[in-house]
Protein backbone atom coordinates (compact mmCIF):
# COMPACT_ATOMS: atom_id res chain seq x y z
CA UNK A 1 123.60 107.94 96.71
CA UNK A 2 122.32 106.05 93.63
CA UNK A 3 120.10 107.92 91.20
CA UNK A 4 116.75 106.44 90.28
CA UNK A 5 116.19 105.04 86.80
CA UNK A 6 113.60 107.77 86.19
CA UNK A 7 116.09 110.51 87.06
CA UNK A 8 118.67 108.95 84.74
CA UNK A 9 116.13 108.62 81.89
CA UNK A 10 115.10 112.26 82.28
CA UNK A 11 118.69 113.42 82.24
CA UNK A 12 119.55 111.41 79.13
CA UNK A 13 116.40 112.42 77.27
CA UNK A 14 114.82 108.97 76.90
CA UNK A 15 111.62 109.80 78.76
CA UNK A 16 109.71 110.91 75.60
CA UNK A 17 109.42 107.45 74.04
CA UNK A 18 108.40 106.05 77.42
CA UNK A 19 105.58 108.59 77.71
CA UNK A 20 104.40 107.81 74.17
CA UNK A 21 104.45 104.07 74.93
CA UNK A 22 102.43 104.68 78.09
CA UNK A 23 99.84 106.72 76.22
CA UNK A 24 99.57 104.05 73.52
CA UNK A 25 98.99 101.44 76.24
CA UNK A 26 96.32 103.63 77.84
CA UNK A 27 94.48 104.01 74.54
CA UNK A 28 94.71 100.28 73.86
CA UNK A 29 93.31 99.54 77.33
CA UNK A 30 90.48 102.06 76.90
CA UNK A 31 89.56 100.45 73.57
CA UNK A 32 89.52 96.99 75.13
CA UNK A 33 92.61 95.78 73.29
CA UNK A 34 94.54 95.20 76.53
CA UNK A 35 93.17 93.37 79.53
CA UNK A 36 95.83 94.23 82.09
CA UNK A 37 96.76 97.71 83.18
CA UNK A 38 98.14 99.44 86.22
CA UNK A 39 95.40 101.74 87.43
CA UNK A 40 96.00 104.46 89.99
CA UNK A 41 92.98 106.01 91.63
CA UNK A 42 93.47 109.52 92.94
CA UNK A 43 90.87 111.01 95.26
CA UNK A 44 90.61 114.73 94.79
CA UNK A 45 88.72 116.53 97.55
CA UNK A 46 85.47 118.04 96.35
CA UNK A 47 84.48 121.70 96.45
CA UNK A 48 84.69 123.37 99.83
CA UNK A 49 82.74 126.25 101.33
CA UNK A 50 85.63 128.35 102.61
CA UNK A 51 83.40 130.93 104.32
CA UNK A 52 81.61 128.17 106.24
CA UNK A 53 84.91 126.68 107.43
CA UNK A 54 86.17 130.10 108.55
CA UNK A 55 82.93 131.01 110.30
CA UNK A 56 82.78 127.64 112.08
CA UNK A 57 86.18 128.46 113.55
CA UNK A 58 84.87 131.86 114.67
CA UNK A 59 87.57 133.78 112.82
CA UNK A 60 87.50 136.95 110.77
CA UNK A 61 88.92 136.82 107.26
CA UNK A 62 92.08 138.54 108.49
CA UNK A 63 92.51 136.09 111.39
CA UNK A 64 91.91 133.03 109.23
CA UNK A 65 94.29 134.25 106.52
CA UNK A 66 97.04 135.02 109.03
CA UNK A 67 96.55 131.79 111.00
CA UNK A 68 96.81 129.52 107.96
CA UNK A 69 99.19 131.46 105.72
CA UNK A 70 96.67 132.44 103.08
CA UNK A 71 96.63 135.79 101.32
CA UNK A 72 93.63 137.85 102.52
CA UNK A 73 92.85 138.76 98.89
CA UNK A 74 92.87 135.09 97.90
CA UNK A 75 90.59 134.23 100.80
CA UNK A 76 88.13 136.99 99.77
CA UNK A 77 88.17 135.73 96.17
CA UNK A 78 87.38 132.20 97.34
CA UNK A 79 84.59 133.32 99.63
CA UNK A 80 83.03 135.58 97.01
CA UNK A 81 83.18 132.86 94.35
CA UNK A 82 85.48 134.74 92.00
CA UNK A 83 88.09 131.99 92.33
CA UNK A 84 88.09 128.39 93.56
CA UNK A 85 90.83 126.84 95.69
CA UNK A 86 92.75 124.29 93.65
CA UNK A 87 95.27 121.54 94.31
CA UNK A 88 97.21 121.89 97.55
CA UNK A 89 95.03 124.80 98.72
CA UNK A 90 91.91 122.65 98.47
CA UNK A 91 93.67 119.84 100.34
CA UNK A 92 94.78 122.27 103.08
CA UNK A 93 91.27 123.69 103.43
CA UNK A 94 89.81 120.19 103.73
CA UNK A 95 92.30 119.40 106.50
CA UNK A 96 91.51 122.70 108.23
CA UNK A 97 87.82 121.81 108.02
CA UNK A 98 88.37 118.41 109.69
CA UNK A 99 91.39 119.00 111.96
CA UNK A 100 92.07 122.72 112.42
CA UNK A 101 94.09 122.19 115.60
CA UNK A 102 96.45 119.78 113.82
CA UNK A 103 97.17 122.37 111.12
CA UNK A 104 97.68 125.07 113.75
CA UNK A 105 100.14 122.84 115.65
CA UNK A 106 102.02 122.00 112.48
CA UNK A 107 102.34 125.67 111.50
CA UNK A 108 103.54 126.69 114.97
CA UNK A 109 106.36 124.15 115.17
């Protein structure tokens, strides 16, 4: 199987100059010195009310945590506002909010 150019660059240590060049291009674009740029938009799900999602499903904290593979302590921290779900956890919670049965099916199989 052929290795990607990125994997080869990382292994040989040539990724640093490429990162610097990319950052220089980003600054030039932001300052209006470059007209063309590759722009990638990433949609990050907004904040989620974990307690509301759990209650809508009619589950206790223990049931919800067990059903979706979340630590009960983490779930309590989210619900009490001491912590906020980030990254993949926020994505998972958004999917649970919209399609709980799909997540349940995926976790059973």
